PDB file of N, CA and C in Angstrom:
ATOM      1  N   ASN A   1     -19.771 -11.107  31.900  1.00  0.00           N
ATOM      2  CA  ASN A   1     -20.367 -11.802  31.343  1.00  0.00           C
ATOM      3  C   ASN A   1     -19.666 -13.367  30.351  1.00  0.00           C
ATOM      4  N   ASP A   2     -20.032 -14.602  30.750  1.00  0.00           N
ATOM      5  CA  ASP A   2     -19.660 -15.515  30.134  1.00  0.00           C
ATOM      6  C   ASP A   2     -20.045 -15.715  28.896  1.00  0.00           C
ATOM      7  N   ILE A   3     -21.190 -15.581  27.969  1.00  0.00           N
ATOM      8  CA  ILE A   3     -20.917 -15.674  26.755  1.00  0.00           C
ATOM      9  C   ILE A   3     -20.121 -14.389  25.815  1.00  0.00           C
ATOM     10  N   PHE A   4     -19.752 -13.437  25.970  1.00  0.00           N
ATOM     11  CA  PHE A   4     -18.574 -13.401  25.807  1.00  0.00           C
ATOM     12  C   PHE A   4     -17.351 -13.619  25.393  1.00  0.00           C
ATOM     13  N   ILE A   5     -17.304 -14.368  26.730  1.00  0.00           N
ATOM     14  CA  ILE A   5     -15.651 -14.902  26.666  1.00  0.00           C
ATOM     15  C   ILE A   5     -15.836 -16.328  26.329  1.00  0.00           C
ATOM     16  N   SER A   6     -14.820 -16.807  25.267  1.00  0.00           N
ATOM     17  CA  SER A   6     -14.765 -17.943  24.979  1.00  0.00           C
ATOM     18  C   SER A   6     -13.178 -18.563  25.605  1.00  0.00           C
ATOM     19  N   LEU A   7     -13.135 -20.263  25.228  1.00  0.00           N
ATOM     20  CA  LEU A   7     -12.049 -20.479  25.140  1.00  0.00           C
ATOM     21  C   LEU A   7     -11.196 -20.530  24.016  1.00  0.00           C
ATOM     22  N   LEU A   8     -12.162 -20.352  22.634  1.00  0.00           N
ATOM     23  CA  LEU A   8     -11.009 -20.398  21.676  1.00  0.00           C
ATOM     24  C   LEU A   8     -10.344 -18.866  21.556  1.00  0.00           C
ATOM     25  N   ASP A   9     -10.229 -19.021  20.086  1.00  0.00           N
ATOM     26  CA  ASP A   9      -9.793 -17.681  19.395  1.00  0.00           C
ATOM     27  C   ASP A   9     -10.760 -17.059  18.937  1.00  0.00           C
ATOM     28  N   ILE A  10     -11.851 -17.062  19.268  1.00  0.00           N
ATOM     29  CA  ILE A  10     -12.928 -15.573  18.747  1.00  0.00           C
ATOM     30  C   ILE A  10     -14.246 -15.507  20.271  1.00  0.00           C
ATOM     31  N   GLY A  11     -15.011 -14.913  20.046  1.00  0.00           N
ATOM     32  CA  GLY A  11     -15.811 -15.047  20.256  1.00  0.00           C
ATOM     33  C   GLY A  11     -17.316 -14.842  20.230  1.00  0.00           C
ATOM     34  N   ILE A  12     -18.274 -14.340  20.148  1.00  0.00           N
ATOM     35  CA  ILE A  12     -19.529 -13.941  20.055  1.00  0.00           C
ATOM     36  C   ILE A  12     -19.355 -12.451  19.211  1.00  0.00           C
ATOM     37  N   VAL A  13     -19.508 -11.982  20.014  1.00  0.00           N
ATOM     38  CA  VAL A  13     -18.616 -10.247  19.273  1.00  0.00           C
ATOM     39  C   VAL A  13     -17.945 -10.671  17.636  1.00  0.00           C
ATOM     40  N   GLN A  14     -16.738 -11.040  17.894  1.00  0.00           N
ATOM     41  CA  GLN A  14     -16.079 -11.328  16.106  1.00  0.00           C
ATOM     42  C   GLN A  14     -17.349 -11.950  15.018  1.00  0.00           C
ATOM     43  N   VAL A  15     -17.676 -12.642  15.970  1.00  0.00           N
ATOM     44  CA  VAL A  15     -18.618 -14.035  14.864  1.00  0.00           C
ATOM     45  C   VAL A  15     -19.398 -12.587  14.514  1.00  0.00           C
ATOM     46  N   ILE A  16     -20.036 -11.760  15.092  1.00  0.00           N
ATOM     47  CA  ILE A  16     -21.259 -10.844  14.590  1.00  0.00           C
ATOM     48  C   ILE A  16     -20.522  -9.751  13.979  1.00  0.00           C
ATOM     49  N   GLN A  17     -19.177  -9.403  14.136  1.00  0.00           N
ATOM     50  CA  GLN A  17     -18.253  -8.301  13.358  1.00  0.00           C
ATOM     51  C   GLN A  17     -17.761  -8.847  12.371  1.00  0.00           C
ATOM     52  N   ALA A  18     -17.818  -9.622  11.959  1.00  0.00           N
ATOM     53  CA  ALA A  18     -16.769 -10.680  10.667  1.00  0.00           C
ATOM     54  C   ALA A  18     -18.484 -11.114   9.614  1.00  0.00           C
ATOM     55  N   SER A  19     -20.045 -10.819  10.787  1.00  0.00           N
ATOM     56  CA  SER A  19     -20.902 -10.816   9.915  1.00  0.00           C
ATOM     57  C   SER A  19     -21.310 -10.018   8.880  1.00  0.00           C
ATOM     58  N   CYS A  20     -21.560  -9.203  10.258  1.00  0.00           N
ATOM     59  CA  CYS A  20     -21.419  -7.665   9.808  1.00  0.00           C
ATOM     60  C   CYS A  20     -20.363  -7.459   8.563  1.00  0.00           C
ATOM     61  N   ALA A  21     -19.642  -7.489   8.385  1.00  0.00           N
ATOM     62  CA  ALA A  21     -18.457  -6.660   6.878  1.00  0.00           C
ATOM     63  C   ALA A  21     -19.249  -8.037   5.964  1.00  0.00           C
ATOM     64  N   PHE A  22     -19.271  -8.913   6.371  1.00  0.00           N
ATOM     65  CA  PHE A  22     -19.518 -10.029   4.656  1.00  0.00           C
ATOM     66  C   PHE A  22     -20.761  -9.038   4.515  1.00  0.00           C
ATOM     67  N   ILE A  23     -22.020  -8.612   5.212  1.00  0.00           N
ATOM     68  CA  ILE A  23     -23.387  -7.686   4.690  1.00  0.00           C
ATOM     69  C   ILE A  23     -22.977  -7.469   4.375  1.00  0.00           C
ATOM     70  N   ILE A  24     -22.126  -6.111   4.771  1.00  0.00           N
ATOM     71  CA  ILE A  24     -21.795  -4.944   4.409  1.00  0.00           C
ATOM     72  C   ILE A  24     -20.927  -5.268   2.856  1.00  0.00           C
ATOM     73  N   ILE A  25     -20.364  -5.858   2.226  1.00  0.00           N
ATOM     74  CA  ILE A  25     -19.723  -6.238   1.298  1.00  0.00           C
ATOM     75  C   ILE A  25     -20.232  -6.718   0.000  1.00  0.00           C
ATOM     76  N   LYS A  26     -21.488  -7.534   0.601  1.00  0.00           N
ATOM     77  CA  LYS A  26     -22.120  -8.021  -0.106  1.00  0.00           C
ATOM     78  C   LYS A  26     -23.224  -7.204  -1.005  1.00  0.00           C
ATOM     79  N   GLU A  27     -23.897  -6.289   0.005  1.00  0.00           N
ATOM     80  CA  GLU A  27     -24.270  -5.124  -0.237  1.00  0.00           C
ATOM     81  C   GLU A  27     -24.211  -4.256  -0.863  1.00  0.00           C
ATOM     82  N   LEU A  28     -22.767  -3.801  -0.947  1.00  0.00           N
ATOM     83  CA  LEU A  28     -22.133  -3.112  -1.614  1.00  0.00           C
ATOM     84  C   LEU A  28     -21.705  -3.655  -3.251  1.00  0.00           C
ATOM     85  N   TYR A  29     -21.690  -4.899  -3.021  1.00  0.00           N
ATOM     86  CA  TYR A  29     -21.622  -5.134  -4.430  1.00  0.00           C
ATOM     87  C   TYR A  29     -22.989  -5.168  -5.537  1.00  0.00           C
ATOM     88  N   ASN A  30     -23.601  -5.578  -4.884  1.00  0.00           N
ATOM     89  CA  ASN A  30     -25.384  -5.051  -5.479  1.00  0.00           C
ATOM     90  C   ASN A  30     -25.335  -4.175  -5.713  1.00  0.00           C
ATOM     91  N   LEU A  31     -24.860  -2.666  -5.643  1.00  0.00           N
ATOM     92  CA  LEU A  31     -24.658  -1.401  -5.882  1.00  0.00           C
ATOM     93  C   LEU A  31     -24.537  -1.597  -7.245  1.00  0.00           C
ATOM     94  N   SER A  32     -25.562  -0.766  -8.168  1.00  0.00           N
ATOM     95  CA  SER A  32     -24.893  -0.650 -10.331  1.00  0.00           C
ATOM     96  C   SER A  32     -23.747  -0.109  -9.831  1.00  0.00           C
ATOM     97  N   SER A  33     -23.503   0.696  -9.593  1.00  0.00           N
ATOM     98  CA  SER A  33     -21.677   1.832  -9.692  1.00  0.00           C
ATOM     99  C   SER A  33     -21.235   0.553  -9.602  1.00  0.00           C
ATOM    100  N   ALA A  34     -20.695  -0.225  -7.795  1.00  0.00           N
ATOM    101  CA  ALA A  34     -20.469  -0.926  -7.565  1.00  0.00           C
ATOM    102  C   ALA A  34     -20.401  -1.911  -8.712  1.00  0.00           C
ATOM    103  N   LYS A  35     -21.589  -2.755  -8.717  1.00  0.00           N
ATOM    104  CA  LYS A  35     -20.654  -3.839  -9.897  1.00  0.00           C
ATOM    105  C   LYS A  35     -20.533  -3.511 -10.976  1.00  0.00           C
ATOM    106  N   ARG A  36     -20.693  -2.272 -11.541  1.00  0.00           N
ATOM    107  CA  ARG A  36     -20.254  -1.755 -13.252  1.00  0.00           C
ATOM    108  C   ARG A  36     -18.798  -2.304 -12.931  1.00  0.00           C
ATOM    109  N   ILE A  37     -18.396  -1.533 -11.930  1.00  0.00           N
ATOM    110  CA  ILE A  37     -16.603  -1.250 -11.485  1.00  0.00           C
ATOM    111  C   ILE A  37     -16.157  -2.281 -11.477  1.00  0.00           C
ATOM    112  N   LEU A  38     -16.704  -3.193 -10.457  1.00  0.00           N
ATOM    113  CA  LEU A  38     -16.066  -5.448 -10.257  1.00  0.00           C
ATOM    114  C   LEU A  38     -16.415  -5.901 -11.303  1.00  0.00           C
ATOM    115  N   GLU A  39     -17.611  -5.973 -12.412  1.00  0.00           N
ATOM    116  CA  GLU A  39     -17.213  -6.798 -13.256  1.00  0.00           C
ATOM    117  C   GLU A  39     -16.397  -6.159 -14.700  1.00  0.00           C
ATOM    118  N   LYS A  40     -15.335  -5.516 -14.286  1.00  0.00           N
ATOM    119  CA  LYS A  40     -14.759  -5.185 -15.194  1.00  0.00           C
ATOM    120  C   LYS A  40     -13.558  -5.987 -15.773  1.00  0.00           C
ATOM    121  N   ASP A  41     -12.760  -6.632 -16.944  1.00  0.00           N
ATOM    122  CA  ASP A  41     -12.504  -8.031 -17.089  1.00  0.00           C
ATOM    123  C   ASP A  41     -10.793  -7.898 -15.420  1.00  0.00           C
ATOM    124  N   ILE A  42     -10.252  -6.540 -16.001  1.00  0.00           N
ATOM    125  CA  ILE A  42      -8.612  -6.435 -14.841  1.00  0.00           C
ATOM    126  C   ILE A  42      -9.203  -6.916 -13.349  1.00  0.00           C
ATOM    127  N   ILE A  43      -9.775  -6.506 -13.864  1.00  0.00           N
ATOM    128  CA  ILE A  43     -10.596  -6.387 -11.774  1.00  0.00           C
ATOM    129  C   ILE A  43     -11.124  -7.994 -11.395  1.00  0.00           C
ATOM    130  N   LYS A  44     -11.402  -8.880 -12.592  1.00  0.00           N
ATOM    131  CA  LYS A  44     -12.011 -10.164 -12.403  1.00  0.00           C
ATOM    132  C   LYS A  44     -10.878 -10.894 -11.951  1.00  0.00           C
ATOM    133  N   LYS A  45      -9.868 -10.235 -12.934  1.00  0.00           N
ATOM    134  CA  LYS A  45      -8.631 -11.480 -12.772  1.00  0.00           C
ATOM    135  C   LYS A  45      -8.155 -10.729 -11.899  1.00  0.00           C
ATOM    136  N   PHE A  46      -7.839  -9.786 -10.749  1.00  0.00           N
ATOM    137  CA  PHE A  46      -7.050  -9.422  -9.884  1.00  0.00           C
ATOM    138  C   PHE A  46      -8.070 -10.220  -8.641  1.00  0.00           C
ATOM    139  N   ILE A  47      -9.096 -10.541  -8.175  1.00  0.00           N
ATOM    140  CA  ILE A  47      -9.429 -11.071  -7.688  1.00  0.00           C
ATOM    141  C   ILE A  47      -9.465 -12.518  -7.762  1.00  0.00           C
ATOM    142  N   LEU A  48      -9.584 -12.448  -8.861  1.00  0.00           N
ATOM    143  CA  LEU A  48      -9.625 -14.181  -8.683  1.00  0.00           C
ATOM    144  C   LEU A  48      -8.146 -14.508  -8.073  1.00  0.00           C
ATOM    145  N   SER A  49      -7.037 -13.963  -8.649  1.00  0.00           N
ATOM    146  CA  SER A  49      -5.532 -13.866  -8.741  1.00  0.00           C
ATOM    147  C   SER A  49      -5.618 -14.640  -7.284  1.00  0.00           C
ATOM    148  N   VAL A  50      -5.877 -12.830  -6.967  1.00  0.00           N
ATOM    149  CA  VAL A  50      -5.449 -13.060  -5.105  1.00  0.00           C
ATOM    150  C   VAL A  50      -6.430 -14.365  -4.300  1.00  0.00           C
ATOM    151  N   SER A  51      -7.113 -14.393  -4.611  1.00  0.00           N
ATOM    152  CA  SER A  51      -8.412 -15.864  -4.077  1.00  0.00           C
ATOM    153  C   SER A  51      -7.400 -16.849  -4.186  1.00  0.00           C
ATOM    154  N   ARG A  52      -7.031 -16.907  -5.488  1.00  0.00           N
ATOM    155  CA  ARG A  52      -6.003 -18.050  -5.144  1.00  0.00           C
ATOM    156  C   ARG A  52      -4.676 -18.129  -5.209  1.00  0.00           C
ATOM    157  N   ALA A  53      -4.169 -17.486  -4.271  1.00  0.00           N
ATOM    158  CA  ALA A  53      -2.960 -17.129  -3.459  1.00  0.00           C
ATOM    159  C   ALA A  53      -3.515 -16.764  -2.490  1.00  0.00           C
ATOM    160  N   SER A  54      -4.549 -16.807  -1.546  1.00  0.00           N
ATOM    161  CA  SER A  54      -5.002 -16.608  -0.413  1.00  0.00           C
ATOM    162  C   SER A  54      -4.471 -17.238   0.608  1.00  0.00           C
ATOM    163  N   TYR A  55      -4.171 -18.480   0.440  1.00  0.00           N
ATOM    164  CA  TYR A  55      -3.659 -19.912   1.442  1.00  0.00           C
ATOM    165  C   TYR A  55      -2.173 -19.588   1.116  1.00  0.00           C
ATOM    166  N   GLY A  56      -1.669 -19.192   0.232  1.00  0.00           N
ATOM    167  CA  GLY A  56      -0.236 -18.788   0.209  1.00  0.00           C
ATOM    168  C   GLY A  56      -0.055 -17.443   0.682  1.00  0.00           C
ATOM    169  N   MET A  57      -0.478 -16.836   0.558  1.00  0.00           N
ATOM    170  CA  MET A  57      -0.399 -15.709   1.661  1.00  0.00           C
ATOM    171  C   MET A  57      -0.664 -15.762   2.684  1.00  0.00           C
ATOM    172  N   TYR A  58      -1.340 -16.100   3.353  1.00  0.00           N
ATOM    173  CA  TYR A  58      -1.907 -16.594   4.893  1.00  0.00           C
ATOM    174  C   TYR A  58      -0.249 -17.128   4.866  1.00  0.00           C
ATOM    175  N   LEU A  59      -0.065 -18.047   4.888  1.00  0.00           N
ATOM    176  CA  LEU A  59       1.642 -18.354   5.376  1.00  0.00           C
ATOM    177  C   LEU A  59       2.786 -17.808   5.390  1.00  0.00           C
ATOM    178  N   ILE A  60       2.589 -17.136   4.083  1.00  0.00           N
ATOM    179  CA  ILE A  60       3.915 -16.445   4.318  1.00  0.00           C
ATOM    180  C   ILE A  60       4.056 -14.984   4.530  1.00  0.00           C
ATOM    181  N   GLN A  61       2.672 -14.336   4.729  1.00  0.00           N
ATOM    182  CA  GLN A  61       2.654 -13.002   5.701  1.00  0.00           C
ATOM    183  C   GLN A  61       3.528 -12.355   6.372  1.00  0.00           C
ATOM    184  N   PHE A  62       3.863 -13.625   7.208  1.00  0.00           N
ATOM    185  CA  PHE A  62       4.414 -12.869   8.623  1.00  0.00           C
ATOM    186  C   PHE A  62       5.497 -12.632   8.168  1.00  0.00           C
ATOM    187  N   LEU A  63       6.559 -13.261   6.911  1.00  0.00           N
ATOM    188  CA  LEU A  63       7.647 -12.849   6.783  1.00  0.00           C
ATOM    189  C   LEU A  63       8.549 -11.354   7.035  1.00  0.00           C
ATOM    190  N   TYR A  64       6.743 -11.191   5.361  1.00  0.00           N
ATOM    191  CA  TYR A  64       6.861  -9.901   5.417  1.00  0.00           C
ATOM    192  C   TYR A  64       6.641  -8.552   6.222  1.00  0.00           C
ATOM    193  N   ARG A  65       6.029  -8.915   7.297  1.00  0.00           N
ATOM    194  CA  ARG A  65       5.357  -7.958   8.007  1.00  0.00           C
ATOM    195  C   ARG A  65       6.272  -7.719   9.485  1.00  0.00           C
ATOM    196  N   ASP A  66       7.656  -8.883   9.631  1.00  0.00           N
ATOM    197  CA  ASP A  66       7.993  -8.848  10.247  1.00  0.00           C
ATOM    198  C   ASP A  66       9.141  -8.097  10.083  1.00  0.00           C
ATOM    199  N   TYR A  67       9.670  -8.400   8.291  1.00  0.00           N
ATOM    200  CA  TYR A  67      10.776  -7.590   7.995  1.00  0.00           C
ATOM    201  C   TYR A  67      10.155  -6.117   8.312  1.00  0.00           C
ATOM    202  N   PHE A  68       8.719  -5.991   7.256  1.00  0.00           N
ATOM    203  CA  PHE A  68       8.686  -4.293   6.836  1.00  0.00           C
ATOM    204  C   PHE A  68       8.215  -3.919   8.508  1.00  0.00           C
ATOM    205  N   GLY A  69       7.783  -4.556   9.914  1.00  0.00           N
ATOM    206  CA  GLY A  69       7.536  -4.307  10.889  1.00  0.00           C
ATOM    207  C   GLY A  69       8.819  -3.604  11.722  1.00  0.00           C
ATOM    208  N   SER A  70      10.069  -4.248  11.598  1.00  0.00           N
ATOM    209  CA  SER A  70      12.161  -3.823  11.666  1.00  0.00           C
ATOM    210  C   SER A  70      12.104  -3.168  11.198  1.00  0.00           C
ATOM    211  N   MET A  71      11.850  -2.803   9.912  1.00  0.00           N
ATOM    212  CA  MET A  71      12.318  -1.233   9.386  1.00  0.00           C
ATOM    213  C   MET A  71      11.745  -0.054  10.372  1.00  0.00           C
ATOM    214  N   VAL A  72      10.090  -0.335  10.982  1.00  0.00           N
ATOM    215  CA  VAL A  72      10.141   1.550  11.356  1.00  0.00           C
ATOM    216  C   VAL A  72       9.716   1.025  12.849  1.00  0.00           C
ATOM    217  N   SER A  73      10.093  -0.158  13.670  1.00  0.00           N
ATOM    218  CA  SER A  73      10.139  -0.253  14.991  1.00  0.00           C
ATOM    219  C   SER A  73      11.203   0.938  15.730  1.00  0.00           C
ATOM    220  N   ASN A  74      12.152   1.081  15.337  1.00  0.00           N
ATOM    221  CA  ASN A  74      12.912   2.113  15.800  1.00  0.00           C
ATOM    222  C   ASN A  74      12.882   3.518  15.204  1.00  0.00           C
ATOM    223  N   LEU A  75      12.063   4.279  14.696  1.00  0.00           N
ATOM    224  CA  LEU A  75      11.466   5.250  14.166  1.00  0.00           C
ATOM    225  C   LEU A  75      10.228   6.049  15.284  1.00  0.00           C
ATOM    226  N   THR A  76      10.457   7.344  15.855  1.00  0.00           N
ATOM    227  CA  THR A  76       9.683   8.094  16.872  1.00  0.00           C
ATOM    228  C   THR A  76       8.604   8.623  15.957  1.00  0.00           C
ATOM    229  N   LEU A  77       6.999   8.356  15.389  1.00  0.00           N
ATOM    230  CA  LEU A  77       6.464   8.779  14.881  1.00  0.00           C
ATOM    231  C   LEU A  77       5.156   9.473  15.899  1.00  0.00           C
ATOM    232  N   SER A  78       4.245   9.954  15.307  1.00  0.00           N
ATOM    233  CA  SER A  78       3.178  10.868  16.285  1.00  0.00           C
ATOM    234  C   SER A  78       2.423   9.832  15.773  1.00  0.00           C
ATOM    235  N   GLY A  79       0.914  10.364  16.106  1.00  0.00           N
ATOM    236  CA  GLY A  79      -0.352   9.206  16.053  1.00  0.00           C
ATOM    237  C   GLY A  79      -0.343   9.313  14.390  1.00  0.00           C
ATOM    238  N   SER A  80      -0.632  10.413  13.967  1.00  0.00           N
ATOM    239  CA  SER A  80      -1.287   9.877  12.493  1.00  0.00           C
ATOM    240  C   SER A  80       0.131   9.649  11.867  1.00  0.00           C
ATOM    241  N   GLU A  81       0.962   9.289  11.877  1.00  0.00           N
ATOM    242  CA  GLU A  81       2.531   9.216  11.433  1.00  0.00           C
ATOM    243  C   GLU A  81       2.132   7.497  11.759  1.00  0.00           C
ATOM    244  N   VAL A  82       1.728   6.930  12.796  1.00  0.00           N
ATOM    245  CA  VAL A  82       1.870   5.763  12.828  1.00  0.00           C
ATOM    246  C   VAL A  82       0.651   4.916  12.323  1.00  0.00           C
ATOM    247  N   PHE A  83      -0.731   5.741  12.737  1.00  0.00           N
ATOM    248  CA  PHE A  83      -1.457   5.517  11.599  1.00  0.00           C
ATOM    249  C   PHE A  83      -1.550   4.746  10.036  1.00  0.00           C
ATOM    250  N   LEU A  84      -0.353   5.923   9.242  1.00  0.00           N
ATOM    251  CA  LEU A  84      -0.204   6.072   8.197  1.00  0.00           C
ATOM    252  C   LEU A  84       0.702   5.026   7.678  1.00  0.00           C
ATOM    253  N   CYS A  85       1.935   4.622   8.640  1.00  0.00           N
ATOM    254  CA  CYS A  85       2.834   4.069   8.495  1.00  0.00           C
ATOM    255  C   CYS A  85       1.854   2.444   8.891  1.00  0.00           C
ATOM    256  N   PHE A  86       0.647   1.994   9.604  1.00  0.00           N
ATOM    257  CA  PHE A  86       0.287   0.924   9.476  1.00  0.00           C
ATOM    258  C   PHE A  86      -0.444   0.808   8.646  1.00  0.00           C
ATOM    259  N   ILE A  87      -1.171   1.664   7.762  1.00  0.00           N
ATOM    260  CA  ILE A  87      -1.432   1.407   6.231  1.00  0.00           C
ATOM    261  C   ILE A  87      -0.912   1.503   5.125  1.00  0.00           C
ATOM    262  N   VAL A  88       0.075   1.618   5.158  1.00  0.00           N
ATOM    263  CA  VAL A  88       1.167   1.401   4.746  1.00  0.00           C
ATOM    264  C   VAL A  88       1.756   0.126   4.223  1.00  0.00           C
ATOM    265  N   ILE A  89       2.423   0.071   5.570  1.00  0.00           N
ATOM    266  CA  ILE A  89       2.365  -1.825   5.958  1.00  0.00           C
ATOM    267  C   ILE A  89       2.003  -2.910   5.544  1.00  0.00           C
ATOM    268  N   SER A  90       0.609  -2.624   5.902  1.00  0.00           N
ATOM    269  CA  SER A  90      -0.668  -3.813   5.724  1.00  0.00           C
ATOM    270  C   SER A  90      -0.413  -3.508   4.342  1.00  0.00           C
ATOM    271  N   ILE A  91      -1.042  -2.720   3.051  1.00  0.00           N
ATOM    272  CA  ILE A  91      -0.901  -2.642   1.832  1.00  0.00           C
ATOM    273  C   ILE A  91       0.710  -3.227   1.220  1.00  0.00           C
ATOM    274  N   LEU A  92       2.253  -3.248   1.450  1.00  0.00           N
ATOM    275  CA  LEU A  92       2.453  -3.552   1.063  1.00  0.00           C
ATOM    276  C   LEU A  92       3.341  -5.181   1.623  1.00  0.00           C
ATOM    277  N   VAL A  93       2.199  -5.255   2.732  1.00  0.00           N
ATOM    278  CA  VAL A  93       2.558  -6.469   3.154  1.00  0.00           C
ATOM    279  C   VAL A  93       1.453  -7.331   1.944  1.00  0.00           C
ATOM    280  N   PHE A  94       0.335  -7.008   2.137  1.00  0.00           N
ATOM    281  CA  PHE A  94      -0.591  -7.748   0.812  1.00  0.00           C
ATOM    282  C   PHE A  94       0.415  -7.728  -0.207  1.00  0.00           C
ATOM    283  N   LEU A  95       0.539  -6.711  -1.245  1.00  0.00           N
ATOM    284  CA  LEU A  95       1.428  -6.753  -2.178  1.00  0.00           C
ATOM    285  C   LEU A  95       2.471  -7.686  -2.601  1.00  0.00           C
ATOM    286  N   THR A  96       3.214  -7.975  -1.945  1.00  0.00           N
ATOM    287  CA  THR A  96       4.376  -8.687  -1.719  1.00  0.00           C
ATOM    288  C   THR A  96       4.271  -9.601  -1.573  1.00  0.00           C
ATOM    289  N   SER A  97       3.523 -10.329  -0.372  1.00  0.00           N
ATOM    290  CA  SER A  97       2.970 -11.549  -0.881  1.00  0.00           C
ATOM    291  C   SER A  97       2.511 -12.095  -1.063  1.00  0.00           C
ATOM    292  N   TRP A  98       1.444 -11.773  -2.204  1.00  0.00           N
ATOM    293  CA  TRP A  98       0.676 -12.206  -3.141  1.00  0.00           C
ATOM    294  C   TRP A  98       1.624 -11.730  -4.404  1.00  0.00           C
ATOM    295  N   ILE A  99       2.135 -11.425  -5.003  1.00  0.00           N
ATOM    296  CA  ILE A  99       3.168 -11.876  -5.964  1.00  0.00           C
ATOM    297  C   ILE A  99       4.812 -12.438  -5.284  1.00  0.00           C
ATOM    298  N   SER A 100       4.865 -12.750  -4.340  1.00  0.00           N
ATOM    299  CA  SER A 100       5.504 -13.818  -3.376  1.00  0.00           C
ATOM    300  C   SER A 100       5.106 -14.885  -4.330  1.00  0.00           C
ATOM    301  N   ILE A 101       3.936 -15.191  -3.971  1.00  0.00           N
ATOM    302  CA  ILE A 101       2.965 -16.215  -4.555  1.00  0.00           C
ATOM    303  C   ILE A 101       3.080 -17.278  -5.752  1.00  0.00           C
ATOM    304  N   VAL A 102       2.419 -15.347  -6.489  1.00  0.00           N
ATOM    305  CA  VAL A 102       2.398 -15.619  -7.450  1.00  0.00           C
ATOM    306  C   VAL A 102       3.190 -15.885  -8.319  1.00  0.00           C
ATOM    307  N   ILE A 103       4.539 -15.278  -8.088  1.00  0.00           N
ATOM    308  CA  ILE A 103       6.000 -16.119  -8.645  1.00  0.00           C
ATOM    309  C   ILE A 103       6.585 -17.337  -8.139  1.00  0.00           C
ATOM    310  N   LEU A 104       6.195 -18.022  -7.069  1.00  0.00           N
ATOM    311  CA  LEU A 104       6.060 -19.446  -6.886  1.00  0.00           C
ATOM    312  C   LEU A 104       5.035 -20.650  -7.394  1.00  0.00           C
ATOM    313  N   GLY A 105       4.299 -20.248  -8.086  1.00  0.00           N
ATOM    314  CA  GLY A 105       2.694 -20.775  -8.522  1.00  0.00           C
ATOM    315  C   GLY A 105       3.160 -20.903  -9.848  1.00  0.00           C
ATOM    316  N   LYS A 106       4.595 -19.782 -10.236  1.00  0.00           N
ATOM    317  CA  LYS A 106       4.840 -20.060 -11.910  1.00  0.00           C
ATOM    318  C   LYS A 106       6.186 -21.231 -11.526  1.00  0.00           C
ATOM    319  N   ILE A 107       6.550 -21.122 -11.095  1.00  0.00           N
ATOM    320  CA  ILE A 107       8.280 -22.246 -10.960  1.00  0.00           C
ATOM    321  C   ILE A 107       7.395 -23.763 -10.748  1.00  0.00           C
ATOM    322  N   PRO A 108       7.570 -24.762 -12.083  1.00  0.00           N
ATOM    323  CA  PRO A 108       6.856 -26.243 -11.922  1.00  0.00           C
ATOM    324  C   PRO A 108       6.465 -26.732 -10.155  1.00  0.00           C
ATOM    325  N   VAL A 109       8.431 -26.203  -9.929  1.00  0.00           N
ATOM    326  CA  VAL A 109       8.571 -28.288  -8.618  1.00  0.00           C
ATOM    327  C   VAL A 109       7.764 -26.807  -7.563  1.00  0.00           C
ATOM    328  N   ILE A 110       7.523 -25.811  -7.046  1.00  0.00           N
ATOM    329  CA  ILE A 110       7.552 -25.277  -6.327  1.00  0.00           C
ATOM    330  C   ILE A 110       5.613 -25.331  -6.333  1.00  0.00           C
ATOM    331  N   LYS A 111       5.515 -25.321  -7.585  1.00  0.00           N
ATOM    332  CA  LYS A 111       3.923 -24.771  -7.654  1.00  0.00           C
ATOM    333  C   LYS A 111       3.051 -25.512  -6.042  1.00  0.00           C
ATOM    334  N   LYS A 112       3.532 -26.976  -6.244  1.00  0.00           N
ATOM    335  CA  LYS A 112       2.489 -28.043  -5.505  1.00  0.00           C
ATOM    336  C   LYS A 112       2.387 -27.417  -3.926  1.00  0.00           C
ATOM    337  N   PHE A 113       3.413 -26.505  -3.952  1.00  0.00           N
ATOM    338  CA  PHE A 113       3.839 -26.435  -2.593  1.00  0.00           C
ATOM    339  C   PHE A 113       3.372 -24.691  -2.250  1.00  0.00           C
ATOM    340  N   SER A 114       3.101 -24.228  -2.783  1.00  0.00           N
ATOM    341  CA  SER A 114       2.887 -22.605  -3.021  1.00  0.00           C
ATOM    342  C   SER A 114       1.918 -22.249  -2.257  1.00  0.00           C
ATOM    343  N   GLY A 115       1.282 -22.894  -2.449  1.00  0.00           N
ATOM    344  CA  GLY A 115      -0.550 -22.697  -2.269  1.00  0.00           C
ATOM    345  C   GLY A 115      -0.931 -22.102  -3.413  1.00  0.00           C
ATOM    346  N   TYR A 116      -0.606 -21.494  -4.873  1.00  0.00           N
ATOM    347  CA  TYR A 116      -1.344 -20.576  -5.537  1.00  0.00           C
ATOM    348  C   TYR A 116      -2.134 -22.127  -6.348  1.00  0.00           C
ATOM    349  N   ALA A 117      -3.156 -22.128  -6.465  1.00  0.00           N
ATOM    350  CA  ALA A 117      -4.179 -23.178  -6.528  1.00  0.00           C
ATOM    351  C   ALA A 117      -5.379 -23.229  -7.470  1.00  0.00           C
TER     352      ALA A 117
END
């Protein structure tokens, strides 16, 4: 069907998925228990820091993704081990790219180019 095929990188299905994910997260925030957790000062600072570093994280994440991916590419893993490895690598890539951008954002000369706005 032509409606599901797009000449761009995204199609109608991906737009619907992203919209649904946004609505679910928005509604989860409106729950009283989630709002109490997210209103804590340390959580607010973390979310703000990740938000500020997101562009730089986007630009640098492929380095860490390729590095961690090459570390496990030669291992023979079962299905559940692959799933667990995927989660661990995703968390490691997120944390290492975030920490790298925060550190680069503290260096005066590189601050302009780090993406930590």
